[in-house]
Amino acid sequence: MSVPHLLLLLPKPLPSGTRVVGQLVTNPNPVAKSTLEPTTLGNRDFDDTHMTAWYKDIVAMNQAGELTASLGGSLFLERPAEGTQLLSLEAENTIVRALKDTSTALKTVCSTPEAQAWLRQQVQAGEDVYFVSAVQEAKNASFKRASVIDAGNGLVKVSREIEQTGQGGVRRDSGLEVPTGTKNDALALELRRVVLTDETGQLSAELGDALKQDELLALWK
């Protein structure tokens, strides 16, 4: 039985291949910090069995235009906080790539001379290191504003499609999009902290806790 992964919604969708399973990173935002690409993992190390066709979700977006939470497909949700918008996310399909043995994969990735040199650079710079242990990618993802109607008792009713009509009964589109610019995009990932110990000149790596959504958002900035 596979272990569930704590997938965190990325504040901005990323082109496929920007964040891949097995990477060591100092920040989930690819423009912000350093990344080490995995060179020692092969297909035998990956689990690609988690696929969903015609994926649908409701996601929250803050005033800065960052995606902050995946809310699932529930019809009724708690009223969003002031300044939070709800978006409808739809995709032709999604697939989650994970690792069959995350702890062993981390040790394998960190065992090369290149990885040891990179890790030592991060330690000397005072940077925290994280391991990308799962990535969810989507094909032909689209984001649009969701319809939100007060349902009472602190709840709202959410519809994935806007059914607004202007004068003459003509449907008006919401006009809100989150462009990705690519056909396949990384939507979410799991990040594990890496605990490093110096053992006679060799840095030993152990898996730490998985980051939570608010921690990911704080790092992204």
C-alpha atoms as a PDB file:
ATOM      1  CA  MET A   1       0.000   0.000   0.000  1.00  0.00           C
ATOM      2  CA  SER A   2       1.429   3.383  -1.012  1.00  0.00           C
ATOM      3  CA  VAL A   3       1.969   6.069   1.577  1.00  0.00           C
ATOM      4  CA  PRO A   4      -0.108   9.210   0.908  1.00  0.00           C
ATOM      5  CA  HIS A   5       1.908  12.280   0.038  1.00  0.00           C
ATOM      6  CA  LEU A   6       1.399  15.762   1.461  1.00  0.00           C
ATOM      7  CA  LEU A   7       1.043  17.558  -1.871  1.00  0.00           C
ATOM      8  CA  LEU A   8       1.235  21.339  -1.574  1.00  0.00           C
ATOM      9  CA  LEU A   9      -0.279  23.622  -4.181  1.00  0.00           C
ATOM     10  CA  LEU A  10       2.397  25.749  -5.840  1.00  0.00           C
ATOM     11  CA  PRO A  11       1.727  29.507  -5.600  1.00  0.00           C
ATOM     12  CA  LYS A  12       2.238  29.655  -9.377  1.00  0.00           C
ATOM     13  CA  PRO A  13       2.008  26.722 -11.811  1.00  0.00           C
ATOM     14  CA  LEU A  14       5.422  25.828 -13.223  1.00  0.00           C
ATOM     15  CA  PRO A  15       6.301  24.427 -16.662  1.00  0.00           C
ATOM     16  CA  SER A  16       6.747  20.658 -16.655  1.00  0.00           C
ATOM     17  CA  GLY A  17      10.294  19.670 -15.719  1.00  0.00           C
ATOM     18  CA  THR A  18      10.999  22.782 -13.641  1.00  0.00           C
ATOM     19  CA  ARG A  19      10.466  20.882 -10.418  1.00  0.00           C
ATOM     20  CA  VAL A  20      11.119  17.141 -10.661  1.00  0.00           C
ATOM     21  CA  VAL A  21      11.148  14.326  -8.147  1.00  0.00           C
ATOM     22  CA  GLY A  22      14.606  13.814  -6.662  1.00  0.00           C
ATOM     23  CA  GLN A  23      15.736  17.449  -6.825  1.00  0.00           C
ATOM     24  CA  LEU A  24      17.490  19.062  -3.897  1.00  0.00           C
ATOM     25  CA  VAL A  25      16.423  22.701  -3.552  1.00  0.00           C
ATOM     26  CA  THR A  26      16.851  25.608  -1.190  1.00  0.00           C
ATOM     27  CA  ASN A  27      13.546  27.147  -2.281  1.00  0.00           C
ATOM     28  CA  PRO A  28      10.497  25.793  -4.164  1.00  0.00           C
ATOM     29  CA  ASN A  29      10.538  28.944  -6.309  1.00  0.00           C
ATOM     30  CA  PRO A  30      12.907  28.100  -9.209  1.00  0.00           C
ATOM     31  CA  VAL A  31      13.933  31.729  -9.770  1.00  0.00           C
ATOM     32  CA  ALA A  32      14.893  32.312  -6.152  1.00  0.00           C
ATOM     33  CA  LYS A  33      17.597  29.885  -5.081  1.00  0.00           C
ATOM     34  CA  SER A  34      19.912  27.003  -5.963  1.00  0.00           C
ATOM     35  CA  THR A  35      18.871  23.570  -7.251  1.00  0.00           C
ATOM     36  CA  LEU A  36      20.710  20.264  -7.664  1.00  0.00           C
ATOM     37  CA  GLU A  37      19.329  17.966 -10.353  1.00  0.00           C
ATOM     38  CA  PRO A  38      19.183  14.225  -9.579  1.00  0.00           C
ATOM     39  CA  THR A  39      21.573  12.102 -11.651  1.00  0.00           C
ATOM     40  CA  THR A  40      21.456   8.777  -9.811  1.00  0.00           C
ATOM     41  CA  LEU A  41      17.721   7.936  -9.935  1.00  0.00           C
ATOM     42  CA  GLY A  42      16.093   5.831 -12.652  1.00  0.00           C
ATOM     43  CA  ASN A  43      12.611   4.681 -13.633  1.00  0.00           C
ATOM     44  CA  ARG A  44      12.843   1.838 -11.128  1.00  0.00           C
ATOM     45  CA  ASP A  45      12.872   4.400  -8.301  1.00  0.00           C
ATOM     46  CA  PHE A  46       9.649   6.183  -9.294  1.00  0.00           C
ATOM     47  CA  ASP A  47       5.972   5.502  -8.668  1.00  0.00           C
ATOM     48  CA  ASP A  48       3.788   6.937 -11.471  1.00  0.00           C
ATOM     49  CA  THR A  49       0.558   5.097 -10.661  1.00  0.00           C
ATOM     50  CA  HIS A  50      -1.524   7.992  -9.302  1.00  0.00           C
ATOM     51  CA  MET A  51      -3.389   9.354 -12.341  1.00  0.00           C
ATOM     52  CA  THR A  52      -6.715  11.228 -12.419  1.00  0.00           C
ATOM     53  CA  ALA A  53      -8.615  11.854 -15.665  1.00  0.00           C
ATOM     54  CA  TRP A  54     -10.694  15.040 -16.084  1.00  0.00           C
ATOM     55  CA  TYR A  55      -9.335  16.543 -12.888  1.00  0.00           C
ATOM     56  CA  LYS A  56     -11.385  19.266 -11.161  1.00  0.00           C
ATOM     57  CA  ASP A  57     -10.651  21.285  -8.058  1.00  0.00           C
ATOM     58  CA  ILE A  58     -11.473  24.558  -6.319  1.00  0.00           C
ATOM     59  CA  VAL A  59      -8.384  26.545  -5.283  1.00  0.00           C
ATOM     60  CA  ALA A  60      -7.896  29.718  -3.264  1.00  0.00           C
ATOM     61  CA  MET A  61      -5.915  32.716  -4.538  1.00  0.00           C
ATOM     62  CA  ASN A  62      -4.695  35.626  -2.381  1.00  0.00           C
ATOM     63  CA  GLN A  63      -4.492  39.312  -3.280  1.00  0.00           C
ATOM     64  CA  ALA A  64      -0.948  38.849  -4.593  1.00  0.00           C
ATOM     65  CA  GLY A  65      -2.263  36.403  -7.193  1.00  0.00           C
ATOM     66  CA  GLU A  66      -0.695  33.388  -5.460  1.00  0.00           C
ATOM     67  CA  LEU A  67      -2.521  30.069  -5.157  1.00  0.00           C
ATOM     68  CA  THR A  68      -2.716  29.252  -1.455  1.00  0.00           C
ATOM     69  CA  ALA A  69      -4.867  26.126  -0.987  1.00  0.00           C
ATOM     70  CA  SER A  70      -6.517  23.216  -2.765  1.00  0.00           C
ATOM     71  CA  LEU A  71     -10.082  22.933  -1.449  1.00  0.00           C
ATOM     72  CA  GLY A  72     -11.258  19.845  -3.305  1.00  0.00           C
ATOM     73  CA  GLY A  73     -14.532  19.341  -5.116  1.00  0.00           C
ATOM     74  CA  SER A  74     -16.953  20.119  -2.281  1.00  0.00           C
ATOM     75  CA  LEU A  75     -20.070  22.049  -3.228  1.00  0.00           C
ATOM     76  CA  PHE A  76     -20.161  23.909   0.105  1.00  0.00           C
ATOM     77  CA  LEU A  77     -17.088  25.527   1.634  1.00  0.00           C
ATOM     78  CA  GLU A  78     -16.283  27.836   4.517  1.00  0.00           C
ATOM     79  CA  ARG A  79     -16.559  31.485   3.542  1.00  0.00           C
ATOM     80  CA  PRO A  80     -13.119  32.581   2.222  1.00  0.00           C
ATOM     81  CA  ALA A  81     -11.172  35.225   4.111  1.00  0.00           C
ATOM     82  CA  GLU A  82     -11.305  38.842   2.980  1.00  0.00           C
ATOM     83  CA  GLY A  83      -9.268  39.311  -0.194  1.00  0.00           C
ATOM     84  CA  THR A  84      -9.287  35.594  -1.085  1.00  0.00           C
ATOM     85  CA  GLN A  85     -10.772  34.545  -4.411  1.00  0.00           C
ATOM     86  CA  LEU A  86     -11.915  31.053  -5.321  1.00  0.00           C
ATOM     87  CA  LEU A  87     -10.907  29.669  -8.706  1.00  0.00           C
ATOM     88  CA  SER A  88     -12.100  26.676 -10.660  1.00  0.00           C
ATOM     89  CA  LEU A  89      -9.232  24.457 -11.797  1.00  0.00           C
ATOM     90  CA  GLU A  90      -9.846  21.913 -14.533  1.00  0.00           C
ATOM     91  CA  ALA A  91      -7.354  19.699 -16.367  1.00  0.00           C
ATOM     92  CA  GLU A  92      -7.500  16.945 -18.948  1.00  0.00           C
ATOM     93  CA  ASN A  93      -5.632  14.750 -16.482  1.00  0.00           C
ATOM     94  CA  THR A  94      -3.147  14.844 -13.633  1.00  0.00           C
ATOM     95  CA  ILE A  95      -0.417  12.424 -12.639  1.00  0.00           C
ATOM     96  CA  VAL A  96       1.582  12.247  -9.428  1.00  0.00           C
ATOM     97  CA  ARG A  97       5.172  11.046  -9.653  1.00  0.00           C
ATOM     98  CA  ALA A  98       6.520   9.943  -6.292  1.00  0.00           C
ATOM     99  CA  LEU A  99       9.312   7.742  -4.970  1.00  0.00           C
ATOM    100  CA  LYS A 100       8.971   4.087  -4.041  1.00  0.00           C
ATOM    101  CA  ASP A 101      11.455   4.525  -1.180  1.00  0.00           C
ATOM    102  CA  THR A 102      11.958   8.200  -0.339  1.00  0.00           C
ATOM    103  CA  SER A 103      14.613   7.700   2.337  1.00  0.00           C
ATOM    104  CA  THR A 104      16.779   5.449   0.163  1.00  0.00           C
ATOM    105  CA  ALA A 105      16.368   7.782  -2.826  1.00  0.00           C
ATOM    106  CA  LEU A 106      17.578  10.753  -0.759  1.00  0.00           C
ATOM    107  CA  LYS A 107      20.707   8.886   0.331  1.00  0.00           C
ATOM    108  CA  THR A 108      21.351   7.849  -3.288  1.00  0.00           C
ATOM    109  CA  VAL A 109      20.998  11.418  -4.568  1.00  0.00           C
ATOM    110  CA  CYS A 110      23.286  12.798  -1.850  1.00  0.00           C
ATOM    111  CA  SER A 111      26.035  10.200  -2.297  1.00  0.00           C
ATOM    112  CA  THR A 112      27.713  11.653  -5.405  1.00  0.00           C
ATOM    113  CA  PRO A 113      30.726  13.988  -5.196  1.00  0.00           C
ATOM    114  CA  GLU A 114      28.716  16.685  -7.008  1.00  0.00           C
ATOM    115  CA  ALA A 115      25.913  16.434  -4.467  1.00  0.00           C
ATOM    116  CA  GLN A 116      28.331  16.496  -1.544  1.00  0.00           C
ATOM    117  CA  ALA A 117      29.975  19.660  -2.896  1.00  0.00           C
ATOM    118  CA  TRP A 118      26.589  21.324  -3.465  1.00  0.00           C
ATOM    119  CA  LEU A 119      25.335  20.386  -0.008  1.00  0.00           C
ATOM    120  CA  ARG A 120      28.479  21.733   1.632  1.00  0.00           C
ATOM    121  CA  GLN A 121      28.014  25.029  -0.210  1.00  0.00           C
ATOM    122  CA  GLN A 122      24.495  25.306   1.184  1.00  0.00           C
ATOM    123  CA  VAL A 123      25.633  24.496   4.714  1.00  0.00           C
ATOM    124  CA  GLN A 124      28.366  27.142   4.520  1.00  0.00           C
ATOM    125  CA  ALA A 125      25.835  29.683   3.193  1.00  0.00           C
ATOM    126  CA  GLY A 126      23.404  28.880   6.022  1.00  0.00           C
ATOM    127  CA  GLU A 127      20.725  27.638   3.613  1.00  0.00           C
ATOM    128  CA  ASP A 128      18.118  25.036   4.489  1.00  0.00           C
ATOM    129  CA  VAL A 129      17.841  22.157   2.019  1.00  0.00           C
ATOM    130  CA  TYR A 130      14.653  20.421   0.852  1.00  0.00           C
ATOM    131  CA  PHE A 131      14.007  17.225  -1.110  1.00  0.00           C
ATOM    132  CA  VAL A 132      11.337  17.122  -3.834  1.00  0.00           C
ATOM    133  CA  SER A 133       9.704  13.782  -3.036  1.00  0.00           C
ATOM    134  CA  ALA A 134       6.528  14.008  -5.145  1.00  0.00           C
ATOM    135  CA  VAL A 135       5.217  16.210  -7.977  1.00  0.00           C
ATOM    136  CA  GLN A 136       1.701  16.517  -9.398  1.00  0.00           C
ATOM    137  CA  GLU A 137       1.570  17.578 -13.052  1.00  0.00           C
ATOM    138  CA  ALA A 138      -1.507  18.495 -15.094  1.00  0.00           C
ATOM    139  CA  LYS A 139      -2.227  18.434 -18.807  1.00  0.00           C
ATOM    140  CA  ASN A 140      -4.080  21.412 -20.320  1.00  0.00           C
ATOM    141  CA  ALA A 141      -4.895  23.017 -16.968  1.00  0.00           C
ATOM    142  CA  SER A 142      -7.185  26.049 -16.913  1.00  0.00           C
ATOM    143  CA  PHE A 143      -8.132  28.405 -14.081  1.00  0.00           C
ATOM    144  CA  LYS A 144     -11.258  30.566 -13.977  1.00  0.00           C
ATOM    145  CA  ARG A 145     -13.117  32.494 -11.332  1.00  0.00           C
ATOM    146  CA  ALA A 146     -15.631  30.331  -9.467  1.00  0.00           C
ATOM    147  CA  SER A 147     -19.171  31.434  -8.692  1.00  0.00           C
ATOM    148  CA  VAL A 148     -19.645  31.940  -4.928  1.00  0.00           C
ATOM    149  CA  ILE A 149     -23.110  32.253  -3.374  1.00  0.00           C
ATOM    150  CA  ASP A 150     -23.825  32.827   0.334  1.00  0.00           C
ATOM    151  CA  ALA A 151     -25.310  29.649   1.830  1.00  0.00           C
ATOM    152  CA  GLY A 152     -25.609  30.870   5.427  1.00  0.00           C
ATOM    153  CA  ASN A 153     -23.956  29.592   8.615  1.00  0.00           C
ATOM    154  CA  GLY A 154     -20.545  30.777   7.424  1.00  0.00           C
ATOM    155  CA  LEU A 155     -20.699  28.675   4.274  1.00  0.00           C
ATOM    156  CA  VAL A 156     -20.722  29.480   0.562  1.00  0.00           C
ATOM    157  CA  LYS A 157     -22.003  27.439  -2.369  1.00  0.00           C
ATOM    158  CA  VAL A 158     -19.376  27.150  -5.083  1.00  0.00           C
ATOM    159  CA  SER A 159     -20.004  26.552  -8.767  1.00  0.00           C
ATOM    160  CA  ARG A 160     -17.166  25.751 -11.157  1.00  0.00           C
ATOM    161  CA  GLU A 161     -18.674  27.761 -14.003  1.00  0.00           C
ATOM    162  CA  ILE A 162     -19.812  31.369 -13.959  1.00  0.00           C
ATOM    163  CA  GLU A 163     -23.337  31.789 -15.246  1.00  0.00           C
ATOM    164  CA  GLN A 164     -23.485  35.561 -15.343  1.00  0.00           C
ATOM    165  CA  THR A 165     -25.682  37.312 -17.882  1.00  0.00           C
ATOM    166  CA  GLY A 166     -25.498  40.881 -19.018  1.00  0.00           C
ATOM    167  CA  GLN A 167     -28.085  42.972 -20.773  1.00  0.00           C
ATOM    168  CA  GLY A 168     -30.090  40.940 -23.255  1.00  0.00           C
ATOM    169  CA  GLY A 169     -29.273  37.693 -21.430  1.00  0.00           C
ATOM    170  CA  VAL A 170     -25.813  37.290 -23.000  1.00  0.00           C
ATOM    171  CA  ARG A 171     -23.407  35.275 -20.863  1.00  0.00           C
ATOM    172  CA  ARG A 172     -20.418  37.278 -19.585  1.00  0.00           C
ATOM    173  CA  ASP A 173     -17.145  35.504 -18.955  1.00  0.00           C
ATOM    174  CA  SER A 174     -15.384  36.183 -15.635  1.00  0.00           C
ATOM    175  CA  GLY A 175     -12.309  37.486 -17.469  1.00  0.00           C
ATOM    176  CA  LEU A 176      -9.966  35.998 -14.853  1.00  0.00           C
ATOM    177  CA  GLU A 177      -7.317  33.539 -15.987  1.00  0.00           C
ATOM    178  CA  VAL A 178      -4.120  32.096 -14.522  1.00  0.00           C
ATOM    179  CA  PRO A 179      -2.069  31.539 -17.683  1.00  0.00           C
ATOM    180  CA  THR A 180       0.503  28.776 -17.562  1.00  0.00           C
ATOM    181  CA  GLY A 181       1.990  29.192 -21.045  1.00  0.00           C
ATOM    182  CA  THR A 182       2.643  25.469 -21.427  1.00  0.00           C
ATOM    183  CA  LYS A 183       0.625  22.330 -22.132  1.00  0.00           C
ATOM    184  CA  ASN A 184       1.903  20.431 -19.097  1.00  0.00           C
ATOM    185  CA  ASP A 185       2.404  22.126 -15.749  1.00  0.00           C
ATOM    186  CA  ALA A 186       3.509  21.248 -12.237  1.00  0.00           C
ATOM    187  CA  LEU A 187       0.616  22.136  -9.922  1.00  0.00           C
ATOM    188  CA  ALA A 188       1.735  20.732  -6.580  1.00  0.00           C
ATOM    189  CA  LEU A 189       4.633  19.012  -4.880  1.00  0.00           C
ATOM    190  CA  GLU A 190       5.764  17.437  -1.655  1.00  0.00           C
ATOM    191  CA  LEU A 191       8.853  18.955  -0.024  1.00  0.00           C
ATOM    192  CA  ARG A 192      10.721  17.163   2.734  1.00  0.00           C
ATOM    193  CA  ARG A 193      13.262  18.851   4.960  1.00  0.00           C
ATOM    194  CA  VAL A 194      16.771  17.428   4.709  1.00  0.00           C
ATOM    195  CA  VAL A 195      18.681  16.957   7.978  1.00  0.00           C
ATOM    196  CA  LEU A 196      22.423  17.052   7.335  1.00  0.00           C
ATOM    197  CA  THR A 197      25.100  15.636   9.638  1.00  0.00           C
ATOM    198  CA  ASP A 198      28.845  15.900   9.052  1.00  0.00           C
ATOM    199  CA  GLU A 199      30.389  12.485   9.560  1.00  0.00           C
ATOM    200  CA  THR A 200      34.186  12.519   9.125  1.00  0.00           C
ATOM    201  CA  GLY A 201      34.065  14.874   6.156  1.00  0.00           C
ATOM    202  CA  GLN A 202      31.033  13.244   4.491  1.00  0.00           C
ATOM    203  CA  LEU A 203      27.636  14.881   4.810  1.00  0.00           C
ATOM    204  CA  SER A 204      24.972  12.358   5.808  1.00  0.00           C
ATOM    205  CA  ALA A 205      21.379  13.189   4.774  1.00  0.00           C
ATOM    206  CA  GLU A 206      18.217  12.112   6.588  1.00  0.00           C
ATOM    207  CA  LEU A 207      14.590  12.867   5.772  1.00  0.00           C
ATOM    208  CA  GLY A 208      12.881  15.459   7.921  1.00  0.00           C
ATOM    209  CA  ASP A 209       9.245  16.543   8.101  1.00  0.00           C
ATOM    210  CA  ALA A 210       7.169  17.421   5.063  1.00  0.00           C
ATOM    211  CA  LEU A 211       6.507  21.140   4.674  1.00  0.00           C
ATOM    212  CA  LYS A 212       2.986  22.489   5.198  1.00  0.00           C
ATOM    213  CA  GLN A 213       1.151  24.820   2.814  1.00  0.00           C
ATOM    214  CA  ASP A 214       1.818  28.029   4.762  1.00  0.00           C
ATOM    215  CA  GLU A 215       5.518  27.142   5.059  1.00  0.00           C
ATOM    216  CA  LEU A 216       5.754  26.637   1.305  1.00  0.00           C
ATOM    217  CA  LEU A 217       4.125  30.009   0.644  1.00  0.00           C
ATOM    218  CA  ALA A 218       6.470  31.760   3.091  1.00  0.00           C
ATOM    219  CA  LEU A 219       9.513  30.199   1.377  1.00  0.00           C
ATOM    220  CA  TRP A 220       8.237  31.142  -2.102  1.00  0.00           C
ATOM    221  CA  LYS A 221       8.406  34.832  -1.213  1.00  0.00           C
END
